[in-house]
């Protein structure tokens, strides 16, 4: 039986709107993002996506960071898949990472068209404020 090593000293919680009571963020940016999600009146529920949630791309599997559901009628996009980055500059993203993000955009656009679900959105954000700017546009 495999044992998973996890450092719970960085666990956040208890949380109110995350699917679990606690979460382990990968960075300070993710910690602040989760705090803002948890206190926002616009958010119904959110999840830090597990490493096993992947999208196949030509340069390897890609794992988005977050799935977020907003209160209906509050914002334009009800369901949002987000990647949190410290910088939104494509010059600062590694080439492989940039390709994976481009593939994820195409993946979610295809799903939206296939299932006629215009309220689903994928994007890269560097803060909660940027997320809210996108979902309100």
N, C-alpha and C. Protein backbone atom coordinates (compact mmCIF):
# COMPACT_ATOMS: atom_id res chain seq x y z
N UNK A 1 0.85 -1.18 0.00
CA UNK A 1 0.00 0.00 0.00
C UNK A 1 0.89 1.24 0.00
N UNK A 2 0.63 2.14 -0.93
CA UNK A 2 1.44 3.35 -1.06
C UNK A 2 1.05 4.37 0.00
N UNK A 3 2.05 5.02 0.54
CA UNK A 3 1.80 6.11 1.48
C UNK A 3 2.06 7.42 0.79
N UNK A 4 1.20 8.39 1.02
CA UNK A 4 1.38 9.71 0.43
C UNK A 4 1.96 10.62 1.49
N UNK A 5 3.02 11.30 1.12
CA UNK A 5 3.66 12.24 2.03
C UNK A 5 3.09 13.63 1.74
N UNK A 6 2.51 14.24 2.71
CA UNK A 6 1.93 15.56 2.54
C UNK A 6 2.28 16.39 3.76
N UNK A 7 2.70 17.62 3.52
CA UNK A 7 3.04 18.53 4.60
C UNK A 7 1.79 19.32 4.98
N UNK A 8 1.17 18.95 6.08
CA UNK A 8 -0.06 19.59 6.51
C UNK A 8 0.18 20.85 7.33
N UNK A 9 1.43 21.23 7.54
CA UNK A 9 1.70 22.45 8.28
C UNK A 9 1.28 23.69 7.50
N UNK A 10 1.12 23.55 6.18
CA UNK A 10 0.68 24.69 5.36
C UNK A 10 -0.80 24.62 5.02
N UNK A 11 -1.53 23.72 5.66
CA UNK A 11 -2.96 23.56 5.38
C UNK A 11 -3.72 24.80 5.80
N UNK A 12 -4.69 25.17 4.99
CA UNK A 12 -5.56 26.30 5.28
C UNK A 12 -6.90 25.77 5.76
N UNK A 13 -7.49 26.41 6.73
CA UNK A 13 -8.81 25.98 7.15
C UNK A 13 -9.01 26.25 8.62
N UNK A 14 -10.20 25.99 9.10
CA UNK A 14 -11.32 25.42 8.33
C UNK A 14 -11.88 26.44 7.34
N UNK A 15 -12.28 25.94 6.17
CA UNK A 15 -12.83 26.76 5.10
C UNK A 15 -14.34 26.56 5.03
N UNK A 16 -15.04 27.55 4.51
CA UNK A 16 -16.49 27.48 4.45
C UNK A 16 -17.02 27.07 3.08
N UNK A 17 -16.34 27.48 2.01
CA UNK A 17 -16.88 27.26 0.66
C UNK A 17 -16.07 26.28 -0.17
N UNK A 18 -14.96 25.83 0.35
CA UNK A 18 -14.17 24.82 -0.36
C UNK A 18 -14.87 23.47 -0.20
N UNK A 19 -14.67 22.57 -1.13
CA UNK A 19 -15.34 21.26 -1.05
C UNK A 19 -14.88 20.45 0.15
N UNK A 20 -13.70 20.77 0.65
CA UNK A 20 -13.20 20.15 1.88
C UNK A 20 -12.99 21.23 2.93
N UNK A 21 -12.90 20.84 4.17
CA UNK A 21 -12.69 21.82 5.24
C UNK A 21 -11.31 22.46 5.20
N UNK A 22 -10.35 21.75 4.63
CA UNK A 22 -8.96 22.22 4.58
C UNK A 22 -8.42 22.06 3.17
N UNK A 23 -7.42 22.88 2.83
CA UNK A 23 -6.73 22.70 1.56
C UNK A 23 -5.27 23.07 1.73
N UNK A 24 -4.45 22.50 0.88
CA UNK A 24 -3.03 22.81 0.89
C UNK A 24 -2.73 23.53 -0.42
N UNK A 25 -2.39 24.80 -0.30
CA UNK A 25 -2.08 25.62 -1.46
C UNK A 25 -0.62 25.39 -1.86
N UNK A 26 -0.35 25.56 -3.15
CA UNK A 26 1.00 25.36 -3.67
C UNK A 26 1.88 26.60 -3.55
N UNK A 27 1.28 27.75 -3.26
CA UNK A 27 2.05 28.99 -3.21
C UNK A 27 1.31 30.02 -2.37
N UNK A 28 1.99 31.11 -2.09
CA UNK A 28 1.37 32.23 -1.37
C UNK A 28 0.25 32.84 -2.20
N UNK A 29 0.42 32.87 -3.52
CA UNK A 29 -0.62 33.40 -4.41
C UNK A 29 -1.88 32.55 -4.28
N UNK A 30 -1.72 31.22 -4.29
CA UNK A 30 -2.87 30.34 -4.12
C UNK A 30 -3.51 30.49 -2.75
N UNK A 31 -2.71 30.68 -1.71
CA UNK A 31 -3.26 30.88 -0.37
C UNK A 31 -4.15 32.12 -0.33
N UNK A 32 -3.65 33.22 -0.87
CA UNK A 32 -4.43 34.46 -0.87
C UNK A 32 -5.67 34.31 -1.74
N UNK A 33 -5.53 33.65 -2.88
CA UNK A 33 -6.65 33.41 -3.79
C UNK A 33 -7.75 32.62 -3.08
N UNK A 34 -7.36 31.55 -2.38
CA UNK A 34 -8.34 30.73 -1.65
C UNK A 34 -9.01 31.52 -0.53
N UNK A 35 -8.26 32.33 0.18
CA UNK A 35 -8.85 33.17 1.24
C UNK A 35 -9.93 34.08 0.66
N UNK A 36 -9.62 34.69 -0.49
CA UNK A 36 -10.58 35.59 -1.13
C UNK A 36 -11.81 34.84 -1.65
N UNK A 37 -11.60 33.65 -2.21
CA UNK A 37 -12.74 32.84 -2.66
C UNK A 37 -13.64 32.50 -1.48
N UNK A 38 -13.02 32.15 -0.37
CA UNK A 38 -13.78 31.68 0.78
C UNK A 38 -14.65 32.76 1.42
N UNK A 39 -14.26 34.01 1.31
CA UNK A 39 -15.04 35.09 1.94
C UNK A 39 -15.94 35.84 0.96
N UNK A 40 -15.83 35.53 -0.33
CA UNK A 40 -16.62 36.26 -1.32
C UNK A 40 -18.09 35.85 -1.29
N UNK A 41 -18.97 36.85 -1.34
CA UNK A 41 -20.40 36.60 -1.41
C UNK A 41 -20.83 36.07 -2.79
N UNK A 42 -19.96 36.22 -3.79
CA UNK A 42 -20.28 35.78 -5.15
C UNK A 42 -20.01 34.29 -5.37
N UNK A 43 -19.26 33.67 -4.48
CA UNK A 43 -18.85 32.28 -4.66
C UNK A 43 -19.80 31.35 -3.92
N UNK A 44 -20.21 30.27 -4.61
CA UNK A 44 -21.04 29.24 -3.99
C UNK A 44 -20.12 28.15 -3.43
N UNK A 45 -19.24 27.63 -4.28
CA UNK A 45 -18.33 26.57 -3.88
C UNK A 45 -17.11 26.60 -4.79
N UNK A 46 -15.97 26.16 -4.26
CA UNK A 46 -14.76 26.08 -5.08
C UNK A 46 -13.95 24.87 -4.65
N UNK A 47 -13.03 24.48 -5.53
CA UNK A 47 -12.18 23.33 -5.25
C UNK A 47 -10.79 23.57 -5.82
N UNK A 48 -9.81 23.22 -5.05
CA UNK A 48 -8.44 23.12 -5.56
C UNK A 48 -8.41 21.77 -6.25
N UNK A 49 -8.24 21.75 -7.55
CA UNK A 49 -8.33 20.50 -8.29
C UNK A 49 -7.19 19.56 -7.95
N UNK A 50 -7.49 18.28 -7.79
CA UNK A 50 -6.44 17.32 -7.45
C UNK A 50 -5.48 17.12 -8.63
N UNK A 51 -4.28 16.69 -8.33
CA UNK A 51 -3.26 16.45 -9.36
C UNK A 51 -3.74 15.46 -10.41
N UNK A 52 -4.68 14.59 -10.03
CA UNK A 52 -5.18 13.57 -10.95
C UNK A 52 -6.12 14.16 -12.01
N UNK A 53 -6.62 15.37 -11.81
CA UNK A 53 -7.49 16.01 -12.79
C UNK A 53 -6.59 16.63 -13.86
N UNK A 54 -6.49 15.97 -14.99
CA UNK A 54 -5.58 16.45 -16.02
C UNK A 54 -6.27 16.53 -17.39
N UNK A 55 -5.69 17.38 -18.21
CA UNK A 55 -6.10 17.54 -19.60
C UNK A 55 -4.91 17.09 -20.44
N UNK A 56 -5.11 16.15 -21.36
CA UNK A 56 -3.99 15.73 -22.20
C UNK A 56 -3.61 16.82 -23.20
N UNK A 57 -2.32 17.06 -23.36
CA UNK A 57 -1.83 18.01 -24.35
C UNK A 57 -0.65 17.36 -25.08
N UNK A 58 -0.25 17.91 -26.22
CA UNK A 58 0.89 17.33 -26.95
C UNK A 58 2.22 17.40 -26.19
N UNK A 59 2.30 18.24 -25.17
CA UNK A 59 3.55 18.38 -24.42
C UNK A 59 3.44 17.84 -22.99
N UNK A 60 2.44 16.99 -22.75
CA UNK A 60 2.27 16.39 -21.43
C UNK A 60 0.95 16.81 -20.79
N UNK A 61 0.58 16.12 -19.75
CA UNK A 61 -0.68 16.41 -19.06
C UNK A 61 -0.64 17.75 -18.36
N UNK A 62 -1.78 18.40 -18.34
CA UNK A 62 -1.92 19.71 -17.70
C UNK A 62 -2.97 19.63 -16.61
N UNK A 63 -2.67 20.21 -15.46
CA UNK A 63 -3.56 20.20 -14.31
C UNK A 63 -3.94 21.63 -13.92
N UNK A 64 -5.17 22.09 -14.28
CA UNK A 64 -5.59 23.42 -13.84
C UNK A 64 -5.68 23.46 -12.31
N UNK A 65 -5.65 24.66 -11.76
CA UNK A 65 -5.62 24.81 -10.30
C UNK A 65 -6.98 24.75 -9.62
N UNK A 66 -7.99 25.42 -10.18
CA UNK A 66 -9.24 25.63 -9.46
C UNK A 66 -10.47 25.38 -10.31
N UNK A 67 -11.54 24.94 -9.67
CA UNK A 67 -12.88 24.93 -10.24
C UNK A 67 -13.72 25.79 -9.30
N UNK A 68 -14.46 26.74 -9.88
CA UNK A 68 -15.18 27.72 -9.07
C UNK A 68 -16.61 27.85 -9.59
N UNK A 69 -17.57 27.87 -8.69
CA UNK A 69 -18.96 28.07 -9.06
C UNK A 69 -19.45 29.35 -8.39
N UNK A 70 -20.04 30.23 -9.20
CA UNK A 70 -20.54 31.51 -8.72
C UNK A 70 -22.05 31.47 -8.53
N UNK A 71 -22.55 32.38 -7.72
CA UNK A 71 -24.00 32.51 -7.55
C UNK A 71 -24.61 32.95 -8.87
N UNK A 72 -25.62 32.25 -9.29
CA UNK A 72 -26.29 32.57 -10.55
C UNK A 72 -26.88 33.96 -10.48
N UNK A 73 -26.71 34.72 -11.55
CA UNK A 73 -27.22 36.09 -11.61
C UNK A 73 -26.27 37.14 -11.08
N UNK A 74 -25.21 36.72 -10.39
CA UNK A 74 -24.25 37.67 -9.84
C UNK A 74 -23.16 38.04 -10.85
N UNK A 75 -22.76 37.07 -11.68
CA UNK A 75 -21.69 37.28 -12.65
C UNK A 75 -22.10 36.64 -13.98
N UNK A 76 -21.34 36.96 -15.02
CA UNK A 76 -21.65 36.46 -16.35
C UNK A 76 -21.34 34.97 -16.50
N UNK A 77 -20.23 34.53 -15.97
CA UNK A 77 -19.81 33.14 -16.10
C UNK A 77 -20.04 32.42 -14.78
N UNK A 78 -20.88 31.40 -14.81
CA UNK A 78 -21.24 30.72 -13.57
C UNK A 78 -20.17 29.73 -13.12
N UNK A 79 -19.58 29.02 -14.08
CA UNK A 79 -18.57 28.02 -13.75
C UNK A 79 -17.25 28.47 -14.33
N UNK A 80 -16.20 28.39 -13.54
CA UNK A 80 -14.92 28.92 -13.97
C UNK A 80 -13.81 27.95 -13.58
N UNK A 81 -12.94 27.66 -14.52
CA UNK A 81 -11.75 26.85 -14.25
C UNK A 81 -10.59 27.82 -14.32
N UNK A 82 -9.79 27.88 -13.27
CA UNK A 82 -8.73 28.88 -13.21
C UNK A 82 -7.37 28.27 -13.01
N UNK A 83 -6.40 28.94 -13.56
CA UNK A 83 -4.99 28.66 -13.32
C UNK A 83 -4.46 29.91 -12.65
N UNK A 84 -3.87 29.79 -11.47
CA UNK A 84 -3.31 30.95 -10.80
C UNK A 84 -1.82 31.01 -11.06
N UNK A 85 -1.38 32.17 -11.48
CA UNK A 85 0.03 32.41 -11.78
C UNK A 85 0.45 33.71 -11.12
N UNK A 86 1.71 33.78 -10.75
CA UNK A 86 2.24 35.01 -10.17
C UNK A 86 2.35 36.13 -11.18
N UNK A 87 2.47 35.77 -12.45
CA UNK A 87 2.56 36.76 -13.51
C UNK A 87 1.71 36.30 -14.68
N UNK A 88 1.04 37.24 -15.31
CA UNK A 88 0.24 36.91 -16.48
C UNK A 88 1.02 37.11 -17.77
N UNK A 89 2.26 37.56 -17.66
CA UNK A 89 3.09 37.79 -18.83
C UNK A 89 3.51 36.47 -19.45
N UNK A 90 3.18 36.29 -20.73
CA UNK A 90 3.56 35.05 -21.40
C UNK A 90 5.08 34.93 -21.51
N UNK A 91 5.77 36.04 -21.42
CA UNK A 91 7.24 36.00 -21.47
C UNK A 91 7.82 35.31 -20.23
N UNK A 92 7.09 35.37 -19.11
CA UNK A 92 7.60 34.77 -17.89
C UNK A 92 7.16 33.33 -17.69
N UNK A 93 6.23 32.84 -18.55
CA UNK A 93 5.82 31.45 -18.46
C UNK A 93 6.77 30.60 -19.30
N UNK A 94 7.10 29.44 -18.80
CA UNK A 94 7.92 28.53 -19.58
C UNK A 94 7.16 28.15 -20.84
N UNK A 95 7.88 27.87 -21.91
CA UNK A 95 7.28 27.53 -23.19
C UNK A 95 6.30 26.36 -23.06
N UNK A 96 6.69 25.30 -22.39
CA UNK A 96 5.83 24.12 -22.22
C UNK A 96 4.56 24.49 -21.47
N UNK A 97 4.72 25.28 -20.42
CA UNK A 97 3.56 25.69 -19.62
C UNK A 97 2.61 26.55 -20.45
N UNK A 98 3.16 27.42 -21.25
CA UNK A 98 2.36 28.27 -22.12
C UNK A 98 1.57 27.43 -23.14
N UNK A 99 2.19 26.41 -23.69
CA UNK A 99 1.52 25.52 -24.64
C UNK A 99 0.39 24.77 -23.95
N UNK A 100 0.63 24.29 -22.73
CA UNK A 100 -0.41 23.58 -21.98
C UNK A 100 -1.61 24.49 -21.71
N UNK A 101 -1.36 25.74 -21.36
CA UNK A 101 -2.43 26.70 -21.10
C UNK A 101 -3.22 26.97 -22.38
N UNK A 102 -2.53 27.12 -23.50
CA UNK A 102 -3.21 27.31 -24.78
C UNK A 102 -4.09 26.10 -25.12
N UNK A 103 -3.58 24.90 -24.86
CA UNK A 103 -4.37 23.68 -25.10
C UNK A 103 -5.59 23.63 -24.19
N UNK A 104 -5.43 24.05 -22.94
CA UNK A 104 -6.57 24.06 -22.00
C UNK A 104 -7.64 25.03 -22.47
N UNK A 105 -7.24 26.18 -22.98
CA UNK A 105 -8.21 27.15 -23.53
C UNK A 105 -9.03 26.50 -24.65
N UNK A 106 -8.34 25.82 -25.54
CA UNK A 106 -9.02 25.16 -26.66
C UNK A 106 -9.91 24.01 -26.17
N UNK A 107 -9.43 23.27 -25.19
CA UNK A 107 -10.19 22.16 -24.61
C UNK A 107 -11.52 22.66 -24.05
N UNK A 108 -11.47 23.71 -23.22
CA UNK A 108 -12.70 24.22 -22.60
C UNK A 108 -13.59 24.93 -23.61
N UNK A 109 -13.01 25.58 -24.60
CA UNK A 109 -13.83 26.18 -25.67
C UNK A 109 -14.58 25.11 -26.44
N UNK A 110 -13.91 23.99 -26.71
CA UNK A 110 -14.56 22.87 -27.41
C UNK A 110 -15.69 22.29 -26.57
N UNK A 111 -15.47 22.12 -25.27
CA UNK A 111 -16.53 21.62 -24.39
C UNK A 111 -17.73 22.56 -24.37
N UNK A 112 -17.46 23.87 -24.31
CA UNK A 112 -18.55 24.85 -24.31
C UNK A 112 -19.40 24.71 -25.57
N UNK A 113 -18.73 24.56 -26.71
CA UNK A 113 -19.46 24.45 -27.98
C UNK A 113 -20.19 23.11 -28.07
N UNK A 114 -19.52 22.04 -27.69
CA UNK A 114 -20.10 20.70 -27.81
C UNK A 114 -21.36 20.56 -26.95
N UNK A 115 -21.32 21.11 -25.75
CA UNK A 115 -22.44 20.95 -24.82
C UNK A 115 -23.29 22.21 -24.71
N UNK A 116 -23.00 23.21 -25.58
CA UNK A 116 -23.76 24.45 -25.61
C UNK A 116 -23.91 25.05 -24.21
N UNK A 117 -22.78 25.17 -23.53
CA UNK A 117 -22.78 25.67 -22.16
C UNK A 117 -21.91 26.92 -22.10
N UNK A 118 -22.52 28.06 -22.40
CA UNK A 118 -21.78 29.32 -22.50
C UNK A 118 -21.32 29.88 -21.15
N UNK A 119 -21.79 29.32 -20.05
CA UNK A 119 -21.44 29.86 -18.74
C UNK A 119 -20.14 29.29 -18.17
N UNK A 120 -19.48 28.40 -18.91
CA UNK A 120 -18.22 27.82 -18.45
C UNK A 120 -17.07 28.63 -19.06
N UNK A 121 -16.07 28.93 -18.24
CA UNK A 121 -14.96 29.74 -18.71
C UNK A 121 -13.67 29.23 -18.09
N UNK A 122 -12.60 29.24 -18.89
CA UNK A 122 -11.26 28.91 -18.40
C UNK A 122 -10.38 30.12 -18.67
N UNK A 123 -9.54 30.46 -17.69
CA UNK A 123 -8.58 31.54 -17.91
C UNK A 123 -7.48 31.46 -16.86
N UNK A 124 -6.46 32.26 -17.08
CA UNK A 124 -5.34 32.36 -16.16
C UNK A 124 -5.47 33.68 -15.42
N UNK A 125 -5.37 33.64 -14.11
CA UNK A 125 -5.49 34.86 -13.29
C UNK A 125 -4.32 34.95 -12.32
N UNK A 126 -4.02 36.16 -11.91
CA UNK A 126 -2.96 36.35 -10.93
C UNK A 126 -3.50 36.83 -9.58
N UNK A 127 -4.83 37.01 -9.52
CA UNK A 127 -5.44 37.46 -8.26
C UNK A 127 -6.95 37.25 -8.32
N UNK A 128 -7.57 37.35 -7.16
CA UNK A 128 -9.02 37.28 -7.08
C UNK A 128 -9.65 38.46 -7.83
N UNK A 129 -9.05 39.64 -7.73
CA UNK A 129 -9.57 40.81 -8.44
C UNK A 129 -9.60 40.58 -9.94
N UNK A 130 -8.55 39.96 -10.46
CA UNK A 130 -8.50 39.66 -11.90
C UNK A 130 -9.59 38.65 -12.26
N UNK A 131 -9.81 37.66 -11.43
CA UNK A 131 -10.88 36.69 -11.65
C UNK A 131 -12.23 37.41 -11.76
N UNK A 132 -12.51 38.30 -10.82
CA UNK A 132 -13.79 39.00 -10.80
C UNK A 132 -13.93 39.93 -12.01
N UNK A 133 -12.84 40.51 -12.43
CA UNK A 133 -12.85 41.35 -13.64
C UNK A 133 -13.26 40.52 -14.86
N UNK A 134 -12.71 39.32 -14.96
CA UNK A 134 -13.01 38.45 -16.10
C UNK A 134 -14.45 37.95 -16.06
N UNK A 135 -14.91 37.49 -14.91
CA UNK A 135 -16.27 36.92 -14.86
C UNK A 135 -17.36 37.97 -14.95
N UNK A 136 -17.01 39.21 -14.75
CA UNK A 136 -17.99 40.27 -14.88
C UNK A 136 -17.96 40.94 -16.25
N UNK A 137 -17.05 40.49 -17.11
CA UNK A 137 -16.97 41.11 -18.46
C UNK A 137 -17.75 40.33 -19.48
